[in-house]
Amino acid sequence: MSRSEKFIVLPFKKVRGNVTPGEMRVASNAASAEKIARAMADRFVGVAAYSVQVDMESGDMSEPRILWQSGEIADIAA
């Protein structure tokens, strides 16, 4: 099984009173993900940088691990 660590940043917005994820951004490493998330923090109700392990053969992903967060975020693993 070939696994690869991926880094993503998700902004969150309020839609009809609920916190929902916006457009995902991909980062090249953990430091870059945190930098992108910090830069976006003032424009959204919440933002988080995540790390996920991806099985390159099946496409299965592990539960996301939060690297950095600000504001209100939703549980994306649910």
PDB file of N, CA and C in Angstrom:
ATOM      1  N   MET A   1       0.840  -1.171   0.000  1.00  0.00           N
ATOM      2  CA  MET A   1       0.000   0.000   0.000  1.00  0.00           C
ATOM      3  C   MET A   1       0.888   1.238   0.000  1.00  0.00           C
ATOM      4  N   SER A   2       0.715   2.097  -0.980  1.00  0.00           N
ATOM      5  CA  SER A   2       1.500   3.318  -1.113  1.00  0.00           C
ATOM      6  C   SER A   2       0.699   4.501  -0.573  1.00  0.00           C
ATOM      7  N   ARG A   3       1.234   5.132   0.496  1.00  0.00           N
ATOM      8  CA  ARG A   3       0.525   6.251   1.118  1.00  0.00           C
ATOM      9  C   ARG A   3       1.305   7.546   0.883  1.00  0.00           C
ATOM     10  N   SER A   4       0.544   8.623   0.767  1.00  0.00           N
ATOM     11  CA  SER A   4       1.135   9.931   0.550  1.00  0.00           C
ATOM     12  C   SER A   4       0.411  10.947   1.431  1.00  0.00           C
ATOM     13  N   GLU A   5       1.166  11.865   2.030  1.00  0.00           N
ATOM     14  CA  GLU A   5       0.554  12.897   2.856  1.00  0.00           C
ATOM     15  C   GLU A   5       0.230  14.100   1.985  1.00  0.00           C
ATOM     16  N   LYS A   6      -1.004  14.573   2.088  1.00  0.00           N
ATOM     17  CA  LYS A   6      -1.468  15.738   1.323  1.00  0.00           C
ATOM     18  C   LYS A   6      -1.865  16.836   2.308  1.00  0.00           C
ATOM     19  N   PHE A   7      -1.751  18.077   1.875  1.00  0.00           N
ATOM     20  CA  PHE A   7      -2.064  19.227   2.724  1.00  0.00           C
ATOM     21  C   PHE A   7      -3.122  20.078   2.025  1.00  0.00           C
ATOM     22  N   ILE A   8      -4.201  20.379   2.760  1.00  0.00           N
ATOM     23  CA  ILE A   8      -5.282  21.172   2.190  1.00  0.00           C
ATOM     24  C   ILE A   8      -5.687  22.281   3.151  1.00  0.00           C
ATOM     25  N   VAL A   9      -6.253  23.327   2.584  1.00  0.00           N
ATOM     26  CA  VAL A   9      -6.767  24.450   3.366  1.00  0.00           C
ATOM     27  C   VAL A   9      -8.226  24.630   2.974  1.00  0.00           C
ATOM     28  N   LEU A  10      -9.095  24.708   3.984  1.00  0.00           N
ATOM     29  CA  LEU A  10     -10.511  24.928   3.738  1.00  0.00           C
ATOM     30  C   LEU A  10     -10.985  26.183   4.446  1.00  0.00           C
ATOM     31  N   PRO A  11     -11.545  27.131   3.688  1.00  0.00           N
ATOM     32  CA  PRO A  11     -12.215  28.253   4.324  1.00  0.00           C
ATOM     33  C   PRO A  11     -13.653  27.830   4.642  1.00  0.00           C
ATOM     34  N   PHE A  12     -14.251  28.449   5.633  1.00  0.00           N
ATOM     35  CA  PHE A  12     -15.634  28.148   5.997  1.00  0.00           C
ATOM     36  C   PHE A  12     -16.441  29.428   5.982  1.00  0.00           C
ATOM     37  N   LYS A  13     -17.691  29.299   5.542  1.00  0.00           N
ATOM     38  CA  LYS A  13     -18.598  30.440   5.495  1.00  0.00           C
ATOM     39  C   LYS A  13     -19.930  30.050   6.116  1.00  0.00           C
ATOM     40  N   LYS A  14     -20.746  31.045   6.419  1.00  0.00           N
ATOM     41  CA  LYS A  14     -22.085  30.790   6.962  1.00  0.00           C
ATOM     42  C   LYS A  14     -23.074  30.781   5.812  1.00  0.00           C
ATOM     43  N   VAL A  15     -23.846  29.706   5.737  1.00  0.00           N
ATOM     44  CA  VAL A  15     -24.913  29.589   4.749  1.00  0.00           C
ATOM     45  C   VAL A  15     -26.179  29.210   5.504  1.00  0.00           C
ATOM     46  N   ARG A  16     -27.153  30.115   5.494  1.00  0.00           N
ATOM     47  CA  ARG A  16     -28.418  29.905   6.223  1.00  0.00           C
ATOM     48  C   ARG A  16     -28.170  29.525   7.681  1.00  0.00           C
ATOM     49  N   GLY A  17     -27.211  30.185   8.295  1.00  0.00           N
ATOM     50  CA  GLY A  17     -26.930  29.960   9.707  1.00  0.00           C
ATOM     51  C   GLY A  17     -26.014  28.793  10.016  1.00  0.00           C
ATOM     52  N   ASN A  18     -25.650  28.018   9.007  1.00  0.00           N
ATOM     53  CA  ASN A  18     -24.767  26.863   9.212  1.00  0.00           C
ATOM     54  C   ASN A  18     -23.378  27.153   8.669  1.00  0.00           C
ATOM     55  N   VAL A  19     -22.361  26.628   9.342  1.00  0.00           N
ATOM     56  CA  VAL A  19     -20.985  26.765   8.872  1.00  0.00           C
ATOM     57  C   VAL A  19     -20.724  25.668   7.834  1.00  0.00           C
ATOM     58  N   THR A  20     -20.343  26.096   6.619  1.00  0.00           N
ATOM     59  CA  THR A  20     -20.098  25.137   5.545  1.00  0.00           C
ATOM     60  C   THR A  20     -18.740  25.412   4.900  1.00  0.00           C
ATOM     61  N   PRO A  21     -18.086  24.357   4.389  1.00  0.00           N
ATOM     62  CA  PRO A  21     -16.780  24.561   3.756  1.00  0.00           C
ATOM     63  C   PRO A  21     -16.902  25.253   2.408  1.00  0.00           C
ATOM     64  N   GLY A  22     -15.896  26.062   2.106  1.00  0.00           N
ATOM     65  CA  GLY A  22     -15.814  26.728   0.812  1.00  0.00           C
ATOM     66  C   GLY A  22     -14.905  25.941  -0.108  1.00  0.00           C
ATOM     67  N   GLU A  23     -14.266  26.641  -1.027  1.00  0.00           N
ATOM     68  CA  GLU A  23     -13.401  26.001  -2.017  1.00  0.00           C
ATOM     69  C   GLU A  23     -12.066  25.588  -1.406  1.00  0.00           C
ATOM     70  N   MET A  24     -11.720  24.319  -1.558  1.00  0.00           N
ATOM     71  CA  MET A  24     -10.487  23.765  -1.011  1.00  0.00           C
ATOM     72  C   MET A  24      -9.278  24.273  -1.797  1.00  0.00           C
ATOM     73  N   ARG A  25      -8.205  24.552  -1.066  1.00  0.00           N
ATOM     74  CA  ARG A  25      -6.923  24.906  -1.683  1.00  0.00           C
ATOM     75  C   ARG A  25      -5.904  23.853  -1.284  1.00  0.00           C
ATOM     76  N   VAL A  26      -5.051  23.481  -2.212  1.00  0.00           N
ATOM     77  CA  VAL A  26      -4.006  22.483  -1.964  1.00  0.00           C
ATOM     78  C   VAL A  26      -2.709  23.213  -1.654  1.00  0.00           C
ATOM     79  N   ALA A  27      -1.961  22.686  -0.691  1.00  0.00           N
ATOM     80  CA  ALA A  27      -0.655  23.254  -0.335  1.00  0.00           C
ATOM     81  C   ALA A  27       0.413  22.186  -0.529  1.00  0.00           C
ATOM     82  N   SER A  28       1.646  22.623  -0.704  1.00  0.00           N
ATOM     83  CA  SER A  28       2.734  21.682  -0.967  1.00  0.00           C
ATOM     84  C   SER A  28       3.309  21.048   0.296  1.00  0.00           C
ATOM     85  N   ASN A  29       3.144  21.731   1.442  1.00  0.00           N
ATOM     86  CA  ASN A  29       3.663  21.183   2.698  1.00  0.00           C
ATOM     87  C   ASN A  29       2.897  21.814   3.866  1.00  0.00           C
ATOM     88  N   ALA A  30       3.182  21.367   5.080  1.00  0.00           N
ATOM     89  CA  ALA A  30       2.457  21.835   6.268  1.00  0.00           C
ATOM     90  C   ALA A  30       2.652  23.328   6.499  1.00  0.00           C
ATOM     91  N   ALA A  31       3.872  23.816   6.333  1.00  0.00           N
ATOM     92  CA  ALA A  31       4.142  25.241   6.563  1.00  0.00           C
ATOM     93  C   ALA A  31       3.391  26.103   5.557  1.00  0.00           C
ATOM     94  N   SER A  32       3.344  25.673   4.324  1.00  0.00           N
ATOM     95  CA  SER A  32       2.618  26.399   3.282  1.00  0.00           C
ATOM     96  C   SER A  32       1.118  26.403   3.567  1.00  0.00           C
ATOM     97  N   ALA A  33       0.587  25.271   4.021  1.00  0.00           N
ATOM     98  CA  ALA A  33      -0.837  25.183   4.359  1.00  0.00           C
ATOM     99  C   ALA A  33      -1.181  26.163   5.472  1.00  0.00           C
ATOM    100  N   GLU A  34      -0.352  26.225   6.496  1.00  0.00           N
ATOM    101  CA  GLU A  34      -0.603  27.158   7.597  1.00  0.00           C
ATOM    102  C   GLU A  34      -0.511  28.608   7.115  1.00  0.00           C
ATOM    103  N   LYS A  35       0.454  28.904   6.279  1.00  0.00           N
ATOM    104  CA  LYS A  35       0.628  30.267   5.761  1.00  0.00           C
ATOM    105  C   LYS A  35      -0.592  30.695   4.942  1.00  0.00           C
ATOM    106  N   ILE A  36      -1.082  29.815   4.087  1.00  0.00           N
ATOM    107  CA  ILE A  36      -2.270  30.109   3.284  1.00  0.00           C
ATOM    108  C   ILE A  36      -3.479  30.326   4.188  1.00  0.00           C
ATOM    109  N   ALA A  37      -3.648  29.438   5.180  1.00  0.00           N
ATOM    110  CA  ALA A  37      -4.782  29.540   6.097  1.00  0.00           C
ATOM    111  C   ALA A  37      -4.748  30.852   6.875  1.00  0.00           C
ATOM    112  N   ARG A  38      -3.582  31.223   7.375  1.00  0.00           N
ATOM    113  CA  ARG A  38      -3.461  32.488   8.124  1.00  0.00           C
ATOM    114  C   ARG A  38      -3.802  33.684   7.241  1.00  0.00           C
ATOM    115  N   ALA A  39      -3.390  33.640   5.979  1.00  0.00           N
ATOM    116  CA  ALA A  39      -3.663  34.737   5.050  1.00  0.00           C
ATOM    117  C   ALA A  39      -5.160  34.849   4.736  1.00  0.00           C
ATOM    118  N   MET A  40      -5.888  33.746   4.800  1.00  0.00           N
ATOM    119  CA  MET A  40      -7.313  33.735   4.491  1.00  0.00           C
ATOM    120  C   MET A  40      -8.191  34.031   5.713  1.00  0.00           C
ATOM    121  N   ALA A  41      -7.634  33.966   6.900  1.00  0.00           N
ATOM    122  CA  ALA A  41      -8.411  34.001   8.143  1.00  0.00           C
ATOM    123  C   ALA A  41      -9.303  35.230   8.291  1.00  0.00           C
ATOM    124  N   ASP A  42      -8.875  36.381   7.830  1.00  0.00           N
ATOM    125  CA  ASP A  42      -9.666  37.604   7.990  1.00  0.00           C
ATOM    126  C   ASP A  42     -10.870  37.675   7.062  1.00  0.00           C
ATOM    127  N   ARG A  43     -10.903  36.836   6.029  1.00  0.00           N
ATOM    128  CA  ARG A  43     -11.966  36.920   5.020  1.00  0.00           C
ATOM    129  C   ARG A  43     -13.092  35.906   5.208  1.00  0.00           C
ATOM    130  N   PHE A  44     -12.972  35.008   6.178  1.00  0.00           N
ATOM    131  CA  PHE A  44     -13.964  33.941   6.361  1.00  0.00           C
ATOM    132  C   PHE A  44     -14.329  33.806   7.833  1.00  0.00           C
ATOM    133  N   VAL A  45     -15.490  33.155   8.108  1.00  0.00           N
ATOM    134  CA  VAL A  45     -15.879  32.941   9.513  1.00  0.00           C
ATOM    135  C   VAL A  45     -14.949  31.936  10.177  1.00  0.00           C
ATOM    136  N   GLY A  46     -14.280  31.131   9.366  1.00  0.00           N
ATOM    137  CA  GLY A  46     -13.313  30.167   9.871  1.00  0.00           C
ATOM    138  C   GLY A  46     -12.448  29.662   8.733  1.00  0.00           C
ATOM    139  N   VAL A  47     -11.290  29.149   9.088  1.00  0.00           N
ATOM    140  CA  VAL A  47     -10.392  28.543   8.101  1.00  0.00           C
ATOM    141  C   VAL A  47      -9.529  27.530   8.832  1.00  0.00           C
ATOM    142  N   ALA A  48      -9.199  26.441   8.143  1.00  0.00           N
ATOM    143  CA  ALA A  48      -8.361  25.414   8.760  1.00  0.00           C
ATOM    144  C   ALA A  48      -7.419  24.809   7.729  1.00  0.00           C
ATOM    145  N   ALA A  49      -6.225  24.457   8.185  1.00  0.00           N
ATOM    146  CA  ALA A  49      -5.253  23.725   7.382  1.00  0.00           C
ATOM    147  C   ALA A  49      -5.242  22.286   7.883  1.00  0.00           C
ATOM    148  N   TYR A  50      -5.310  21.354   6.963  1.00  0.00           N
ATOM    149  CA  TYR A  50      -5.383  19.935   7.308  1.00  0.00           C
ATOM    150  C   TYR A  50      -4.270  19.138   6.640  1.00  0.00           C
ATOM    151  N   SER A  51      -3.983  17.999   7.249  1.00  0.00           N
ATOM    152  CA  SER A  51      -3.110  16.996   6.668  1.00  0.00           C
ATOM    153  C   SER A  51      -3.937  15.715   6.549  1.00  0.00           C
ATOM    154  N   VAL A  52      -3.854  15.042   5.410  1.00  0.00           N
ATOM    155  CA  VAL A  52      -4.533  13.762   5.235  1.00  0.00           C
ATOM    156  C   VAL A  52      -3.568  12.762   4.602  1.00  0.00           C
ATOM    157  N   GLN A  53      -3.705  11.524   4.972  1.00  0.00           N
ATOM    158  CA  GLN A  53      -2.935  10.444   4.359  1.00  0.00           C
ATOM    159  C   GLN A  53      -3.806   9.838   3.262  1.00  0.00           C
ATOM    160  N   VAL A  54      -3.261   9.733   2.050  1.00  0.00           N
ATOM    161  CA  VAL A  54      -4.012   9.201   0.921  1.00  0.00           C
ATOM    162  C   VAL A  54      -3.347   7.919   0.444  1.00  0.00           C
ATOM    163  N   ASP A  55      -4.151   6.859   0.298  1.00  0.00           N
ATOM    164  CA  ASP A  55      -3.675   5.609  -0.288  1.00  0.00           C
ATOM    165  C   ASP A  55      -3.683   5.825  -1.800  1.00  0.00           C
ATOM    166  N   MET A  56      -2.522   5.840  -2.407  1.00  0.00           N
ATOM    167  CA  MET A  56      -2.392   6.181  -3.824  1.00  0.00           C
ATOM    168  C   MET A  56      -3.016   5.121  -4.744  1.00  0.00           C
ATOM    169  N   GLU A  57      -3.158   3.898  -4.253  1.00  0.00           N
ATOM    170  CA  GLU A  57      -3.743   2.842  -5.089  1.00  0.00           C
ATOM    171  C   GLU A  57      -5.261   2.890  -5.070  1.00  0.00           C
ATOM    172  N   SER A  58      -5.864   3.018  -3.871  1.00  0.00           N
ATOM    173  CA  SER A  58      -7.316   2.971  -3.759  1.00  0.00           C
ATOM    174  C   SER A  58      -7.969   4.352  -3.729  1.00  0.00           C
ATOM    175  N   GLY A  59      -7.181   5.381  -3.396  1.00  0.00           N
ATOM    176  CA  GLY A  59      -7.741   6.724  -3.268  1.00  0.00           C
ATOM    177  C   GLY A  59      -8.350   6.991  -1.895  1.00  0.00           C
ATOM    178  N   ASP A  60      -8.326   5.999  -1.001  1.00  0.00           N
ATOM    179  CA  ASP A  60      -8.874   6.171   0.340  1.00  0.00           C
ATOM    180  C   ASP A  60      -8.055   7.194   1.117  1.00  0.00           C
ATOM    181  N   MET A  61      -8.761   7.986   1.944  1.00  0.00           N
ATOM    182  CA  MET A  61      -8.093   9.002   2.761  1.00  0.00           C
ATOM    183  C   MET A  61      -8.314   8.720   4.234  1.00  0.00           C
ATOM    184  N   SER A  62      -7.309   9.076   5.034  1.00  0.00           N
ATOM    185  CA  SER A  62      -7.444   8.980   6.484  1.00  0.00           C
ATOM    186  C   SER A  62      -8.276  10.158   6.974  1.00  0.00           C
ATOM    187  N   GLU A  63      -8.678  10.101   8.228  1.00  0.00           N
ATOM    188  CA  GLU A  63      -9.397  11.230   8.810  1.00  0.00           C
ATOM    189  C   GLU A  63      -8.461  12.438   8.827  1.00  0.00           C
ATOM    190  N   PRO A  64      -8.949  13.603   8.413  1.00  0.00           N
ATOM    191  CA  PRO A  64      -8.095  14.791   8.376  1.00  0.00           C
ATOM    192  C   PRO A  64      -7.576  15.176   9.757  1.00  0.00           C
ATOM    193  N   ARG A  65      -6.324  15.604   9.801  1.00  0.00           N
ATOM    194  CA  ARG A  65      -5.706  16.077  11.046  1.00  0.00           C
ATOM    195  C   ARG A  65      -5.526  17.581  10.906  1.00  0.00           C
ATOM    196  N   ILE A  66      -6.071  18.335  11.871  1.00  0.00           N
ATOM    197  CA  ILE A  66      -5.980  19.792  11.816  1.00  0.00           C
ATOM    198  C   ILE A  66      -4.567  20.237  12.182  1.00  0.00           C
ATOM    199  N   LEU A  67      -3.963  21.018  11.301  1.00  0.00           N
ATOM    200  CA  LEU A  67      -2.635  21.580  11.544  1.00  0.00           C
ATOM    201  C   LEU A  67      -2.748  22.966  12.179  1.00  0.00           C
ATOM    202  N   TRP A  68      -3.766  23.737  11.747  1.00  0.00           N
ATOM    203  CA  TRP A  68      -3.971  25.096  12.245  1.00  0.00           C
ATOM    204  C   TRP A  68      -5.409  25.480  11.949  1.00  0.00           C
ATOM    205  N   GLN A  69      -6.043  26.221  12.861  1.00  0.00           N
ATOM    206  CA  GLN A  69      -7.400  26.666  12.605  1.00  0.00           C
ATOM    207  C   GLN A  69      -7.653  28.020  13.234  1.00  0.00           C
ATOM    208  N   SER A  70      -8.659  28.723  12.684  1.00  0.00           N
ATOM    209  CA  SER A  70      -9.067  30.018  13.204  1.00  0.00           C
ATOM    210  C   SER A  70     -10.573  30.144  13.003  1.00  0.00           C
ATOM    211  N   GLY A  71     -11.274  30.687  13.983  1.00  0.00           N
ATOM    212  CA  GLY A  71     -12.705  30.922  13.848  1.00  0.00           C
ATOM    213  C   GLY A  71     -13.528  29.657  13.918  1.00  0.00           C
ATOM    214  N   GLU A  72     -14.713  29.740  13.307  1.00  0.00           N
ATOM    215  CA  GLU A  72     -15.655  28.606  13.306  1.00  0.00           C
ATOM    216  C   GLU A  72     -15.383  27.696  12.132  1.00  0.00           C
ATOM    217  N   ILE A  73     -15.231  26.403  12.431  1.00  0.00           N
ATOM    218  CA  ILE A  73     -15.065  25.423  11.358  1.00  0.00           C
ATOM    219  C   ILE A  73     -16.045  24.286  11.583  1.00  0.00           C
ATOM    220  N   ALA A  74     -16.349  23.567  10.523  1.00  0.00           N
ATOM    221  CA  ALA A  74     -17.249  22.413  10.596  1.00  0.00           C
ATOM    222  C   ALA A  74     -16.430  21.129  10.608  1.00  0.00           C
ATOM    223  N   ASP A  75     -17.033  20.056  11.088  1.00  0.00           N
ATOM    224  CA  ASP A  75     -16.381  18.749  11.097  1.00  0.00           C
ATOM    225  C   ASP A  75     -16.446  18.170   9.697  1.00  0.00           C
ATOM    226  N   ILE A  76     -15.338  18.134   8.986  1.00  0.00           N
ATOM    227  CA  ILE A  76     -15.345  17.639   7.610  1.00  0.00           C
ATOM    228  C   ILE A  76     -15.205  16.118   7.545  1.00  0.00           C
ATOM    229  N   ALA A  77     -14.923  15.485   8.659  1.00  0.00           N
ATOM    230  CA  ALA A  77     -14.776  14.017   8.664  1.00  0.00           C
ATOM    231  C   ALA A  77     -16.123  13.326   8.740  1.00  0.00           C
ATOM    232  N   ALA A  78     -17.153  14.078   9.111  1.00  0.00           N
ATOM    233  CA  ALA A  78     -18.500  13.474   9.280  1.00  0.00           C
ATOM    234  C   ALA A  78     -19.131  13.146   7.947  1.00  0.00           C
TER     235      ALA A  78
END
